[in-house]
Each structure stands twice: as structure tokens, then as C-alpha cells.
Amino acid sequence: MSSLFYKEVIKIIYYLNSNIRYLRKKYNYSLQDLATKLDLKLSTLKNLENGQSGTSLQVVILLRDIFKISIDNLIFKDLSKERS
């Protein structure tokens, strides 16, 4: 696989992790609140937000539904830099 592919994957993971944290705070969810909504352990969500673990497509779809956002925006944009 090319290094360009890996760079894109790293960027997607970064955006997903940082966007989860950004959206959770924007919607005033505690880590425990969001972990419960996603049916995840608190430690799993912490690791996800900190970039120490990945997640399943099922969790990405739940995030889309909870935050009413497209998956494209969730994984391809830095939402913290978007205008509200």
C-alpha cells in the first residue's frame, strides 16, 4: 500500500477522534453520557477520543444518528474549525 493511503487513513482517524470530542462537548454530553448512548465502556470512549483505539462502523453510524451529522463530515472534516 502506498504511503499516501496511510496518510489518508491517519487523517480520517484523527478527524473522527477529534470530532467525537468536539461534538460531545458541543452537545454537553459527559464521557459517561455518550458512552452509555453508544453502549461502550467509558474507558473505550476515552481511548477513542484520545486516538488510542479505533472503532466499528456500527459506532460511527450511531454517532451520525446521535449528532445528526453525515458520516462524511464526521470523518473528513475538522468540525472544530467549521462555523456554527
Foldseek 3Di string as FASTA:
>chain_A
DDVVVVVLVVQLLLLLLCLVVVLCVVVVHDLVRVCVQLVHDSVVNVCSNVSNDDDDVSSLVSVCVVSVHDSCCNRPHNCVPDDD
